[in-house]
Amino acid sequence: MVTIRMMRMGKKNRPVYRIVVQDSRRKAGGAYLEALGHYSPLEKGENLVLDVKRVEFWRARGAGISAAVAKLVKLTVAKPAV
């Protein structure tokens, strides 16, 4: 099954996460099908970039979504447009 999940990047004590579409049988840091965005929890301001249209594309094709990414998608969709 294909899953949308976060892949940890960055330095020690400075996490940066890449939101990726990946086969669930692969290890978390392994090869992925597509990168959908990134999340930097320690940054101020605009710390989340996510392509919601591509998330919906993969969800429509049966991809699962992790709980953490589901929360981030919910935050992105709820953001007021500027």
C-alpha atoms as a PDB file:
ATOM      1  CA  MET A   1       0.000   0.000   0.000  1.00  0.00           C
ATOM      2  CA  VAL A   2       1.167   3.529  -0.723  1.00  0.00           C
ATOM      3  CA  THR A   3       1.337   5.897   2.249  1.00  0.00           C
ATOM      4  CA  ILE A   4       1.715   9.655   2.624  1.00  0.00           C
ATOM      5  CA  ARG A   5       4.075  10.223   5.540  1.00  0.00           C
ATOM      6  CA  MET A   6       6.876  12.402   6.863  1.00  0.00           C
ATOM      7  CA  MET A   7      10.571  11.697   6.345  1.00  0.00           C
ATOM      8  CA  ARG A   8      12.944  13.282   8.839  1.00  0.00           C
ATOM      9  CA  MET A   9      15.741  15.418   7.426  1.00  0.00           C
ATOM     10  CA  GLY A  10      17.936  18.113   8.979  1.00  0.00           C
ATOM     11  CA  LYS A  11      20.587  18.121  11.679  1.00  0.00           C
ATOM     12  CA  LYS A  12      20.634  16.806  15.209  1.00  0.00           C
ATOM     13  CA  ASN A  13      18.125  18.767  17.344  1.00  0.00           C
ATOM     14  CA  ARG A  14      17.039  20.747  14.220  1.00  0.00           C
ATOM     15  CA  PRO A  15      14.351  18.579  12.598  1.00  0.00           C
ATOM     16  CA  VAL A  16      12.992  19.301   9.161  1.00  0.00           C
ATOM     17  CA  TYR A  17      10.440  16.917   7.672  1.00  0.00           C
ATOM     18  CA  ARG A  18       9.776  16.165   4.016  1.00  0.00           C
ATOM     19  CA  ILE A  19       6.215  15.011   3.280  1.00  0.00           C
ATOM     20  CA  VAL A  20       6.464  12.160   0.798  1.00  0.00           C
ATOM     21  CA  VAL A  21       4.432   9.464  -0.939  1.00  0.00           C
ATOM     22  CA  GLN A  22       6.109   6.142  -0.269  1.00  0.00           C
ATOM     23  CA  ASP A  23       5.443   2.425  -0.450  1.00  0.00           C
ATOM     24  CA  SER A  24       4.609   1.362   3.115  1.00  0.00           C
ATOM     25  CA  ARG A  25       6.972  -1.627   2.859  1.00  0.00           C
ATOM     26  CA  ARG A  26      10.014   0.613   2.451  1.00  0.00           C
ATOM     27  CA  LYS A  27      11.916   2.032   5.412  1.00  0.00           C
ATOM     28  CA  ALA A  28      11.060   5.592   6.422  1.00  0.00           C
ATOM     29  CA  GLY A  29      14.269   7.137   5.063  1.00  0.00           C
ATOM     30  CA  GLY A  30      14.301   5.169   1.813  1.00  0.00           C
ATOM     31  CA  ALA A  31      13.258   5.953  -1.741  1.00  0.00           C
ATOM     32  CA  TYR A  32       9.914   7.674  -2.289  1.00  0.00           C
ATOM     33  CA  LEU A  33       7.556   8.175  -5.210  1.00  0.00           C
ATOM     34  CA  GLU A  34       6.917  11.915  -4.884  1.00  0.00           C
ATOM     35  CA  ALA A  35       7.694  14.768  -2.487  1.00  0.00           C
ATOM     36  CA  LEU A  36       4.570  16.784  -1.620  1.00  0.00           C
ATOM     37  CA  GLY A  37       6.061  19.434   0.633  1.00  0.00           C
ATOM     38  CA  HIS A  38       8.081  20.108   3.755  1.00  0.00           C
ATOM     39  CA  TYR A  39       7.546  21.072   7.394  1.00  0.00           C
ATOM     40  CA  SER A  40      10.010  22.886   9.668  1.00  0.00           C
ATOM     41  CA  PRO A  41       8.543  22.863  13.198  1.00  0.00           C
ATOM     42  CA  LEU A  42      11.222  25.121  14.713  1.00  0.00           C
ATOM     43  CA  GLU A  43      10.917  27.951  12.182  1.00  0.00           C
ATOM     44  CA  LYS A  44       8.782  30.991  12.841  1.00  0.00           C
ATOM     45  CA  GLY A  45       6.204  32.124  10.305  1.00  0.00           C
ATOM     46  CA  GLU A  46       5.708  30.084   7.142  1.00  0.00           C
ATOM     47  CA  ASN A  47       7.000  26.692   8.287  1.00  0.00           C
ATOM     48  CA  LEU A  48       4.692  24.427   6.264  1.00  0.00           C
ATOM     49  CA  VAL A  49       4.611  24.047   2.480  1.00  0.00           C
ATOM     50  CA  LEU A  50       2.239  21.375   1.199  1.00  0.00           C
ATOM     51  CA  ASP A  51       0.680  20.693  -2.208  1.00  0.00           C
ATOM     52  CA  VAL A  52      -2.873  19.820  -1.134  1.00  0.00           C
ATOM     53  CA  LYS A  53      -3.994  19.050  -4.704  1.00  0.00           C
ATOM     54  CA  ARG A  54      -1.363  16.316  -4.990  1.00  0.00           C
ATOM     55  CA  VAL A  55      -2.357  14.954  -1.573  1.00  0.00           C
ATOM     56  CA  GLU A  56      -5.939  14.658  -2.798  1.00  0.00           C
ATOM     57  CA  PHE A  57      -4.692  13.065  -6.043  1.00  0.00           C
ATOM     58  CA  TRP A  58      -2.897  10.318  -4.117  1.00  0.00           C
ATOM     59  CA  ARG A  59      -5.762   9.881  -1.625  1.00  0.00           C
ATOM     60  CA  ALA A  60      -8.178   9.374  -4.548  1.00  0.00           C
ATOM     61  CA  ARG A  61      -5.947   6.543  -5.770  1.00  0.00           C
ATOM     62  CA  GLY A  62      -6.094   4.722  -2.447  1.00  0.00           C
ATOM     63  CA  ALA A  63      -3.038   6.048  -0.631  1.00  0.00           C
ATOM     64  CA  GLY A  64      -3.146   5.938   3.145  1.00  0.00           C
ATOM     65  CA  ILE A  65      -2.152   8.944   5.220  1.00  0.00           C
ATOM     66  CA  SER A  66      -0.312   9.049   8.541  1.00  0.00           C
ATOM     67  CA  ALA A  67      -1.886  10.765  11.550  1.00  0.00           C
ATOM     68  CA  ALA A  68       0.762  13.491  11.644  1.00  0.00           C
ATOM     69  CA  VAL A  69       0.331  14.351   7.968  1.00  0.00           C
ATOM     70  CA  ALA A  70      -3.462  14.352   8.360  1.00  0.00           C
ATOM     71  CA  LYS A  71      -3.105  17.058  11.030  1.00  0.00           C
ATOM     72  CA  LEU A  72      -0.853  19.117   8.748  1.00  0.00           C
ATOM     73  CA  VAL A  73      -3.290  18.790   5.835  1.00  0.00           C
ATOM     74  CA  LYS A  74      -6.080  19.956   8.118  1.00  0.00           C
ATOM     75  CA  LEU A  75      -3.997  23.009   9.126  1.00  0.00           C
ATOM     76  CA  THR A  76      -3.183  23.823   5.510  1.00  0.00           C
ATOM     77  CA  VAL A  77      -6.800  23.594   4.368  1.00  0.00           C
ATOM     78  CA  ALA A  78      -8.013  25.688   7.322  1.00  0.00           C
ATOM     79  CA  LYS A  79      -5.502  28.497   6.594  1.00  0.00           C
ATOM     80  CA  PRO A  80      -7.172  31.721   5.448  1.00  0.00           C
ATOM     81  CA  ALA A  81      -6.209  32.738   1.919  1.00  0.00           C
ATOM     82  CA  VAL A  82      -4.132  35.931   1.760  1.00  0.00           C
END
